[in-house]
Amino acid sequence: MSVSTNELAHGSGRPPASSSDAAEGLRAGVHDAARRARVAARDLARLTADAKNAALHAAADAVVAATDSIIAANADDLQRARGAGIGEAMLDRLALDARRVAGIADGLRQVASLPDPVGEVLRGSTRPNGLRLRQIRVPLGVVGMVYEGRPNVTVDAFGLTLKSGNAVLLRGSSSAATSNAELVRVLRASLVASGLPADTVQLLDSRDRVTVTHLIQARGLVDVVIPRGGAGLIDAVVRDAQVPTIETGVGNCHVYVHADADLDLAERILLNSKTRRPSVCNAAETLLIDQAIAEAAVPRLVGALQAAGVTVHGDEQLARRASDAGLSAVIPVTQEDFDTEYLSLDIAAAVVDDLDAAIGHIDRHSSGHTDAIVTANLGAAQEFTDRVDSAAVMVNASTAFTDGEQFGFGAEIGISTQKLHARGPMGLPELTTTKWIVLGDGQIRPA
């Protein structure tokens, strides 16, 4: 299998000389792309904020101007995906229309409006010997992105890495190959028109999984890899990577309706958390209802979910209360259900004894992405936020707000559920590292 020959347009590696050395050709192609990215990254690190912002606005305009060709490319991906029997949730992630393309372009403009983190002084001091120390933000360098579906990630990653002074190597999924190729073609042409290196963004071949391996093991060529997708993808990248990896986790998110919850509020939050876009990682996958209000809350909340087309997988008490209220049958829940990121109109549900039991359930089953409590009790809210160890903890708000744009970051490169370097939605500062600048006037260290 060879990679794309349209290197200028798509930024992919060079094709192998013959089918007999295809594997070596793919490795060489990825490494060659990484070397070109390193060259581009050196230029990007020195760009002014004004130059980066101008390039982002130009790229946004170029994306809008190419709406028809982007949608046409996406239609090809959708046709192949439907033929392959891909489910509706994944199709929704893949699909682009004029509104979504405009939203992608707006994301670039929002990133342009944000403060440039590069060069920010984090701390500094003057030592007794006169040495002046400053710790400043600098770009990471070459960022590798491995992701599934969602062609909007292609442009979000480009915008955030450019603004933070990094070059990016994109390895999307084969299901979005045509969409990604057209988007990257548009972005690279825009970069050239802005006087910036086209290799700021490159798209790696997605037809062979070995390109993922070559990317995540390109030690010395790639500075960090960020996987974004399902549990299988993330686990494989974290397990096999030989370069630093920022783990973005799956979203097994919970909504706990506390004993002192307002049920009108709970219903609005629950439905928004579950049904707004069930295919995304911040969608709620488990509902927990406090025993103290189960008699009223179960019929109300389960009924609202079922009316919205959600299939409820509930425990014995929840199923009995739902049946007594004349609701549709609840599917018996399993322990596996409580650990499942459905990404569909399904939800696991249980009645829990109290706040402590709810926190215990979340501790056992949450993926550490986003968990929410609905309560009018400030003490209960404080205990929940203190004890739930997730990247985002919501009080009386939808889990759908765990999002870079909603947090004011313009866009996000991913939502990290790990604890080193970055956690939660990752925006511009999370795409930088630091260096120390030490200014002296001839100081030497005594023996």
Protein backbone atom coordinates (compact mmCIF):
# COMPACT_ATOMS: atom_id res chain seq x y z
CA MET A 1 0.00 0.00 0.00
CA SER A 2 1.36 3.42 -0.89
CA VAL A 3 0.62 6.77 0.60
CA SER A 4 -0.84 9.66 -1.36
CA THR A 5 1.34 11.04 -4.13
CA ASN A 6 -0.18 14.49 -3.79
CA GLU A 7 2.38 15.54 -1.22
CA LEU A 8 2.00 19.27 -1.64
CA ALA A 9 -1.77 19.21 -1.32
CA HIS A 10 -2.16 16.63 1.42
CA GLY A 11 1.20 16.77 3.19
CA SER A 12 1.53 12.98 3.25
CA GLY A 13 4.80 11.08 3.03
CA ARG A 14 6.49 9.88 -0.11
CA PRO A 15 5.24 6.64 -1.67
CA PRO A 16 7.36 3.51 -1.46
CA ALA A 17 9.34 2.54 -4.51
CA SER A 18 7.55 -0.78 -4.97
CA SER A 19 5.02 -3.03 -3.27
CA SER A 20 7.82 -5.26 -1.95
CA ASP A 21 9.02 -2.53 0.42
CA ALA A 22 5.63 -1.05 1.26
CA ALA A 23 6.12 -1.37 5.02
CA GLU A 24 9.46 0.41 4.93
CA GLY A 25 8.00 3.00 2.60
CA LEU A 26 5.22 3.82 5.05
CA ARG A 27 7.70 4.17 7.91
CA ALA A 28 9.95 6.37 5.76
CA GLY A 29 6.96 8.46 4.74
CA VAL A 30 5.93 9.13 8.34
CA HIS A 31 9.48 9.94 9.40
CA ASP A 32 10.01 12.20 6.42
CA ALA A 33 6.81 14.08 7.26
CA ALA A 34 8.02 14.42 10.86
CA ARG A 35 11.36 15.85 9.73
CA ARG A 36 9.62 18.41 7.54
CA ALA A 37 7.35 19.26 10.47
CA ARG A 38 10.41 19.90 12.66
CA VAL A 39 11.72 22.37 10.09
CA ALA A 40 8.34 24.12 9.99
CA ALA A 41 8.12 24.14 13.79
CA ARG A 42 11.37 26.09 14.08
CA ASP A 43 9.87 28.84 11.93
CA LEU A 44 6.53 28.79 13.73
CA ALA A 45 8.15 29.17 17.15
CA ARG A 46 9.39 32.64 16.17
CA LEU A 47 6.17 33.97 14.65
CA THR A 48 4.50 36.98 16.19
CA ALA A 49 0.96 36.73 17.50
CA ASP A 50 -0.19 39.08 14.73
CA ALA A 51 1.26 36.82 12.02
CA LYS A 52 -0.38 33.73 13.50
CA ASN A 53 -3.72 35.48 13.92
CA ALA A 54 -3.66 36.72 10.32
CA ALA A 55 -2.96 33.18 9.11
CA LEU A 56 -5.82 31.82 11.18
CA HIS A 57 -8.29 34.35 9.79
CA ALA A 58 -7.10 33.59 6.26
CA ALA A 59 -7.54 29.87 6.90
CA ALA A 60 -11.07 30.44 8.23
CA ASP A 61 -11.97 32.40 5.10
CA ALA A 62 -10.46 29.66 2.93
CA VAL A 63 -12.50 26.96 4.69
CA VAL A 64 -15.73 28.91 4.14
CA ALA A 65 -14.84 29.52 0.49
CA ALA A 66 -14.29 25.79 0.03
CA THR A 67 -17.59 24.77 1.67
CA ASP A 68 -18.93 23.07 -1.44
CA SER A 69 -15.82 20.98 -2.07
CA ILE A 70 -15.57 20.05 1.61
CA ILE A 71 -19.20 18.89 1.73
CA ALA A 72 -18.73 16.96 -1.52
CA ALA A 73 -15.70 15.18 -0.07
CA ASN A 74 -17.61 14.46 3.12
CA ALA A 75 -20.51 13.01 1.12
CA ASP A 76 -18.10 10.44 -0.31
CA ASP A 77 -17.02 9.45 3.22
CA LEU A 78 -20.63 9.23 4.39
CA GLN A 79 -21.58 7.02 1.47
CA ARG A 80 -18.75 4.61 2.22
CA ALA A 81 -19.56 4.67 5.93
CA ARG A 82 -23.21 3.81 5.36
CA GLY A 83 -22.16 1.02 3.03
CA ALA A 84 -19.93 -0.34 5.77
CA GLY A 85 -22.85 -0.34 8.23
CA ILE A 86 -21.46 2.34 10.55
CA GLY A 87 -24.02 3.33 13.19
CA GLU A 88 -25.88 6.60 13.40
CA ALA A 89 -23.80 7.94 16.28
CA MET A 90 -20.59 7.60 14.28
CA LEU A 91 -22.27 8.97 11.16
CA ASP A 92 -23.25 12.06 13.14
CA ARG A 93 -19.63 12.56 14.19
CA LEU A 94 -18.51 12.24 10.59
CA ALA A 95 -21.14 14.38 8.88
CA LEU A 96 -20.50 17.92 7.68
CA ASP A 97 -22.96 20.44 6.31
CA ALA A 98 -22.75 24.16 5.59
CA ARG A 99 -23.59 25.03 9.20
CA ARG A 100 -20.90 22.75 10.61
CA VAL A 101 -18.30 23.99 8.10
CA ALA A 102 -19.11 27.57 9.13
CA GLY A 103 -18.74 26.52 12.76
CA ILE A 104 -15.33 25.00 12.01
CA ALA A 105 -14.22 28.30 10.46
CA ASP A 106 -15.59 30.25 13.41
CA GLY A 107 -13.49 28.06 15.69
CA LEU A 108 -10.36 29.27 13.90
CA ARG A 109 -11.43 32.88 14.35
CA GLN A 110 -12.07 32.28 18.04
CA VAL A 111 -8.59 30.82 18.45
CA ALA A 112 -7.18 33.90 16.71
CA SER A 113 -8.92 36.11 19.28
CA LEU A 114 -7.31 34.34 22.23
CA PRO A 115 -4.14 35.50 23.98
CA ASP A 116 -0.95 33.99 22.57
CA PRO A 117 0.60 31.80 25.29
CA VAL A 118 4.07 31.71 23.71
CA GLY A 119 6.51 33.90 25.60
CA GLU A 120 4.29 34.27 28.67
CA VAL A 121 6.41 34.63 31.80
CA LEU A 122 5.20 32.15 34.41
CA ARG A 123 7.60 33.08 37.17
CA GLY A 124 10.94 34.74 37.70
CA SER A 125 13.37 35.95 40.29
CA THR A 126 16.74 37.55 40.82
CA ARG A 127 19.15 35.39 42.78
CA PRO A 128 21.46 36.79 45.46
CA ASN A 129 24.37 36.44 43.02
CA GLY A 130 22.61 38.69 40.50
CA LEU A 131 21.38 35.97 38.09
CA ARG A 132 18.01 36.89 36.65
CA LEU A 133 15.70 33.90 36.03
CA ARG A 134 12.53 33.70 33.94
CA GLN A 135 10.41 30.69 33.12
CA ILE A 136 8.51 31.23 29.87
CA ARG A 137 6.07 29.29 27.74
CA VAL A 138 7.43 27.84 24.48
CA PRO A 139 5.87 25.55 21.85
CA LEU A 140 6.04 21.78 22.26
CA GLY A 141 7.39 21.45 18.70
CA VAL A 142 5.88 18.63 16.61
CA VAL A 143 2.50 17.37 17.79
CA GLY A 144 1.07 14.11 16.50
CA MET A 145 -2.71 13.67 16.51
CA VAL A 146 -4.36 10.25 16.16
CA TYR A 147 -8.14 10.51 15.99
CA GLU A 148 -11.31 8.87 14.72
CA GLY A 149 -14.15 10.20 12.58
CA ARG A 150 -14.95 13.86 13.30
CA PRO A 151 -13.23 15.86 10.52
CA ASN A 152 -13.74 19.03 12.57
CA VAL A 153 -10.85 17.78 14.73
CA THR A 154 -8.60 18.23 11.69
CA VAL A 155 -9.19 21.97 11.66
CA ASP A 156 -9.35 22.40 15.44
CA ALA A 157 -5.96 20.71 15.79
CA PHE A 158 -4.50 22.88 13.04
CA GLY A 159 -5.78 26.10 14.62
CA LEU A 160 -4.63 25.35 18.14
CA THR A 161 -1.21 24.05 17.15
CA LEU A 162 -0.56 27.00 14.82
CA LYS A 163 -1.53 29.56 17.46
CA SER A 164 0.70 27.84 20.02
CA GLY A 165 3.61 27.73 17.56
CA ASN A 166 3.60 23.99 16.84
CA ALA A 167 3.56 21.92 13.67
CA VAL A 168 1.06 19.05 13.58
CA LEU A 169 1.00 15.60 12.02
CA LEU A 170 -2.58 14.40 11.62
CA ARG A 171 -3.47 10.74 11.43
CA GLY A 172 -7.25 10.62 11.08
CA SER A 173 -9.39 7.57 10.44
CA SER A 174 -9.94 5.99 7.06
CA SER A 175 -13.67 6.67 7.47
CA ALA A 176 -12.98 10.42 7.16
CA ALA A 177 -10.07 10.18 4.71
CA THR A 178 -11.64 12.18 1.88
CA SER A 179 -12.97 14.91 4.16
CA ASN A 180 -9.64 15.23 5.96
CA ALA A 181 -7.69 15.33 2.72
CA GLU A 182 -9.81 18.17 1.36
CA LEU A 183 -9.63 20.14 4.60
CA VAL A 184 -5.84 19.78 4.78
CA ARG A 185 -5.51 20.75 1.11
CA VAL A 186 -7.42 23.96 1.86
CA LEU A 187 -5.38 24.68 4.98
CA ARG A 188 -2.01 24.08 3.32
CA ALA A 189 -2.88 26.32 0.38
CA SER A 190 -3.96 29.03 2.80
CA LEU A 191 -0.69 28.75 4.73
CA VAL A 192 1.35 29.19 1.56
CA ALA A 193 -0.73 32.23 0.61
CA SER A 194 0.01 33.66 4.07
CA GLY A 195 3.74 33.13 3.64
CA LEU A 196 3.93 30.27 6.15
CA PRO A 197 5.30 26.76 5.60
CA ALA A 198 2.75 24.30 4.21
CA ASP A 199 4.26 21.62 6.45
CA THR A 200 2.76 23.37 9.46
CA VAL A 201 0.02 20.77 8.93
CA GLN A 202 0.42 17.36 7.31
CA LEU A 203 -1.99 14.48 6.86
CA LEU A 204 -0.61 10.97 7.22
CA ASP A 205 -1.97 8.03 5.27
CA SER A 206 -4.90 6.37 7.02
CA ARG A 207 -5.25 3.23 4.90
CA ASP A 208 -2.81 1.16 6.94
CA ARG A 209 -2.80 1.06 10.74
CA VAL A 210 0.98 0.77 10.76
CA THR A 211 1.24 4.51 10.15
CA VAL A 212 -0.11 5.03 13.66
CA THR A 213 2.68 2.84 15.03
CA HIS A 214 5.32 4.72 13.05
CA LEU A 215 3.98 8.05 14.31
CA ILE A 216 3.77 7.14 17.99
CA GLN A 217 7.22 5.51 17.93
CA ALA A 218 9.01 8.34 16.09
CA ARG A 219 11.14 9.16 19.11
CA GLY A 220 13.31 12.18 18.49
CA LEU A 221 11.12 13.35 15.60
CA VAL A 222 7.74 13.82 17.30
CA ASP A 223 7.57 15.66 20.63
CA VAL A 224 4.15 14.55 21.85
CA VAL A 225 1.24 12.41 20.62
CA ILE A 226 -2.39 13.06 21.51
CA PRO A 227 -4.90 10.25 20.80
CA ARG A 228 -8.53 11.27 20.51
CA GLY A 229 -11.22 8.66 20.03
CA GLY A 230 -12.62 5.49 21.53
CA ALA A 231 -11.15 3.44 24.35
CA GLY A 232 -9.51 0.95 21.98
CA LEU A 233 -7.62 3.65 20.09
CA ILE A 234 -6.51 5.48 23.22
CA ASP A 235 -5.40 2.31 25.00
CA ALA A 236 -3.40 1.15 21.95
CA VAL A 237 -1.62 4.49 21.58
CA VAL A 238 -0.79 4.79 25.29
CA ARG A 239 0.40 1.18 25.41
CA ASP A 240 2.63 1.26 22.31
CA ALA A 241 3.88 4.86 22.20
CA GLN A 242 7.59 5.56 22.53
CA VAL A 243 7.09 9.33 22.55
CA PRO A 244 5.34 11.29 25.32
CA THR A 245 1.56 10.89 25.16
CA ILE A 246 -1.26 13.01 26.54
CA GLU A 247 -4.10 10.60 27.23
CA THR A 248 -7.56 11.82 26.31
CA GLY A 249 -10.07 9.58 27.96
CA VAL A 250 -13.43 8.13 27.10
CA GLY A 251 -16.46 9.82 28.60
CA ASN A 252 -18.36 7.59 30.99
CA CYS A 253 -20.09 10.60 32.55
CA HIS A 254 -22.59 10.56 35.42
CA VAL A 255 -25.51 12.73 36.52
CA TYR A 256 -26.39 12.26 40.19
CA VAL A 257 -29.76 13.63 41.32
CA HIS A 258 -29.31 14.35 45.01
CA ALA A 259 -31.99 14.16 47.70
CA ASP A 260 -32.30 17.96 47.68
CA ALA A 261 -32.54 18.33 43.92
CA ASP A 262 -35.14 20.42 42.13
CA LEU A 263 -36.68 17.90 39.72
CA ASP A 264 -37.48 20.53 37.08
CA LEU A 265 -33.80 21.45 37.06
CA ALA A 266 -32.73 17.82 37.17
CA GLU A 267 -34.86 16.93 34.16
CA ARG A 268 -33.45 19.78 32.06
CA ILE A 269 -29.87 18.97 32.98
CA LEU A 270 -30.30 15.24 32.45
CA LEU A 271 -31.94 15.55 29.04
CA ASN A 272 -29.36 18.04 27.83
CA SER A 273 -26.51 15.89 29.14
CA LYS A 274 -27.84 12.74 27.46
CA THR A 275 -29.68 13.78 24.32
CA ARG A 276 -28.03 16.99 23.04
CA ARG A 277 -25.42 14.97 21.14
CA PRO A 278 -25.27 11.40 22.45
CA SER A 279 -22.30 10.56 20.22
CA VAL A 280 -19.81 12.86 21.99
CA CYS A 281 -17.60 12.15 24.98
CA ASN A 282 -19.29 14.63 27.33
CA ALA A 283 -22.71 12.99 26.99
CA ALA A 284 -24.09 11.46 30.19
CA GLU A 285 -23.99 7.65 30.23
CA THR A 286 -25.24 6.95 33.77
CA LEU A 287 -28.06 8.41 35.88
CA LEU A 288 -27.96 8.01 39.66
CA ILE A 289 -31.08 8.88 41.70
CA ASP A 290 -31.02 9.32 45.47
CA GLN A 291 -33.19 6.87 47.36
CA ALA A 292 -34.76 9.73 49.36
CA ILE A 293 -36.52 11.13 46.25
CA ALA A 294 -36.77 7.98 44.14
CA GLU A 295 -40.55 7.71 44.47
CA ALA A 296 -41.06 11.01 42.66
CA ALA A 297 -37.81 11.22 40.68
CA VAL A 298 -37.80 7.83 38.97
CA PRO A 299 -41.14 8.23 37.14
CA ARG A 300 -40.33 11.83 36.27
CA LEU A 301 -36.79 11.31 34.98
CA VAL A 302 -37.15 7.87 33.41
CA GLY A 303 -40.35 9.03 31.74
CA ALA A 304 -38.59 12.10 30.33
CA LEU A 305 -35.73 9.98 29.01
CA GLN A 306 -38.06 7.49 27.37
CA ALA A 307 -40.11 10.29 25.83
CA ALA A 308 -36.87 11.58 24.30
CA GLY A 309 -36.16 8.17 22.76
CA VAL A 310 -33.58 7.02 25.30
CA THR A 311 -33.38 3.33 26.21
CA VAL A 312 -32.94 3.03 29.98
CA HIS A 313 -30.88 0.18 31.47
CA GLY A 314 -31.92 0.24 35.11
CA ASP A 315 -31.44 -1.61 38.37
CA GLU A 316 -34.22 -3.59 40.03
CA GLN A 317 -35.62 -0.78 42.18
CA LEU A 318 -35.61 1.72 39.34
CA ALA A 319 -37.28 -0.77 37.00
CA ARG A 320 -39.98 -1.54 39.58
CA ARG A 321 -40.77 2.11 40.24
CA ALA A 322 -40.89 2.82 36.52
CA SER A 323 -43.25 -0.12 35.98
CA ASP A 324 -45.50 0.98 38.85
CA ALA A 325 -45.75 4.39 37.16
CA GLY A 326 -46.90 2.75 33.91
CA LEU A 327 -43.73 3.54 31.95
CA SER A 328 -42.21 1.40 29.25
CA ALA A 329 -40.11 -1.54 30.37
CA VAL A 330 -36.62 -0.80 31.63
CA ILE A 331 -33.84 -3.13 30.43
CA PRO A 332 -32.11 -4.87 33.38
CA VAL A 333 -28.76 -3.18 33.95
CA THR A 334 -25.48 -5.09 34.22
CA GLN A 335 -22.14 -4.14 35.76
CA GLU A 336 -20.80 -3.92 32.21
CA ASP A 337 -23.48 -1.32 31.42
CA PHE A 338 -22.18 0.87 34.24
CA ASP A 339 -18.72 0.80 32.62
CA THR A 340 -19.98 1.50 29.10
CA GLU A 341 -19.60 4.66 27.05
CA TYR A 342 -22.70 4.11 24.92
CA LEU A 343 -22.35 7.09 22.55
CA SER A 344 -25.99 6.41 21.68
CA LEU A 345 -29.48 6.99 23.06
CA ASP A 346 -28.90 4.53 25.90
CA ILE A 347 -28.25 5.23 29.55
CA ALA A 348 -27.50 3.11 32.62
CA ALA A 349 -29.49 4.09 35.70
CA ALA A 350 -29.65 3.15 39.37
CA VAL A 351 -31.14 4.22 42.68
CA VAL A 352 -28.41 4.84 45.29
CA ASP A 353 -28.76 5.06 49.04
CA ASP A 354 -27.26 8.51 49.54
CA LEU A 355 -24.51 10.93 48.54
CA ASP A 356 -21.78 8.64 49.83
CA ALA A 357 -23.12 5.74 47.77
CA ALA A 358 -23.32 7.91 44.66
CA ILE A 359 -19.71 9.02 45.05
CA GLY A 360 -18.68 5.41 45.62
CA HIS A 361 -20.46 4.33 42.43
CA ILE A 362 -18.80 7.11 40.45
CA ASP A 363 -15.40 6.20 41.91
CA ARG A 364 -15.83 2.61 40.70
CA HIS A 365 -17.25 3.29 37.24
CA SER A 366 -16.43 6.81 36.06
CA SER A 367 -13.77 7.31 33.40
CA GLY A 368 -12.72 10.51 35.15
CA HIS A 369 -14.05 12.76 32.40
CA THR A 370 -17.11 14.67 33.71
CA ASP A 371 -19.50 13.96 36.54
CA ALA A 372 -22.39 16.13 37.73
CA ILE A 373 -24.57 16.60 40.79
CA VAL A 374 -27.98 18.26 40.84
CA THR A 375 -28.75 19.65 44.29
CA ALA A 376 -29.90 22.72 46.19
CA ASN A 377 -27.73 21.68 49.15
CA LEU A 378 -24.47 23.64 49.16
CA GLY A 379 -22.86 21.23 51.62
CA ALA A 380 -23.66 18.25 49.42
CA ALA A 381 -22.34 20.10 46.38
CA GLN A 382 -19.09 20.90 48.19
CA GLU A 383 -18.63 17.30 49.31
CA PHE A 384 -19.28 16.07 45.77
CA THR A 385 -16.75 18.44 44.22
CA ASP A 386 -14.19 17.63 46.92
CA ARG A 387 -14.46 13.85 46.60
CA VAL A 388 -15.19 13.15 42.92
CA ASP A 389 -11.84 12.82 41.18
CA SER A 390 -12.71 13.73 37.59
CA ALA A 391 -11.27 16.24 35.13
CA ALA A 392 -14.50 18.26 35.34
CA VAL A 393 -17.11 18.22 38.11
CA MET A 394 -20.40 19.99 37.47
CA VAL A 395 -22.85 21.38 40.02
CA ASN A 396 -26.34 22.05 38.65
CA ALA A 397 -25.05 22.15 35.06
CA SER A 398 -25.05 19.84 32.07
CA THR A 399 -22.08 17.56 31.40
CA ALA A 400 -22.19 18.97 27.85
CA PHE A 401 -20.30 22.04 29.04
CA THR A 402 -17.01 20.13 29.28
CA ASP A 403 -15.77 21.51 26.00
CA GLY A 404 -12.93 23.79 25.01
CA GLU A 405 -15.15 26.30 23.26
CA GLN A 406 -17.58 26.40 26.19
CA PHE A 407 -14.66 26.93 28.58
CA GLY A 408 -13.55 29.92 26.51
CA PHE A 409 -10.60 28.18 24.82
CA GLY A 410 -11.90 28.74 21.27
CA ALA A 411 -11.53 25.03 20.57
CA GLU A 412 -9.82 22.06 22.16
CA ILE A 413 -7.19 19.58 21.11
CA GLY A 414 -8.85 16.99 23.32
CA ILE A 415 -10.09 16.41 26.87
CA SER A 416 -7.37 14.93 29.03
CA THR A 417 -8.31 12.56 31.84
CA GLN A 418 -4.73 12.04 33.00
CA LYS A 419 -3.06 14.09 35.73
CA LEU A 420 0.34 15.09 34.33
CA HIS A 421 0.85 18.28 32.29
CA ALA A 422 -2.78 18.72 31.24
CA ARG A 423 -6.21 17.73 32.57
CA GLY A 424 -9.66 18.53 31.21
CA PRO A 425 -10.24 20.45 27.96
CA MET A 426 -6.84 21.28 26.47
CA GLY A 427 -6.48 24.67 24.86
CA LEU A 428 -3.50 26.81 23.92
CA PRO A 429 -1.52 26.79 27.19
CA GLU A 430 -1.66 22.98 27.29
CA LEU A 431 0.11 22.89 23.91
CA THR A 432 3.17 24.60 25.33
CA THR A 433 6.01 23.58 27.57
CA THR A 434 8.46 25.88 29.35
CA LYS A 435 12.07 26.90 29.24
CA TRP A 436 14.21 28.83 31.69
CA ILE A 437 16.02 31.97 30.57
CA VAL A 438 18.97 32.87 32.80
CA LEU A 439 20.65 36.27 32.39
CA GLY A 440 23.98 36.93 33.98
CA ASP A 441 26.93 39.25 33.78
CA GLY A 442 29.84 36.87 34.27
CA GLN A 443 28.73 34.83 37.31
CA ILE A 444 30.52 31.52 37.85
CA ARG A 445 29.58 28.84 40.37
CA PRO A 446 32.05 28.36 43.20
CA ALA A 447 33.74 24.99 43.57
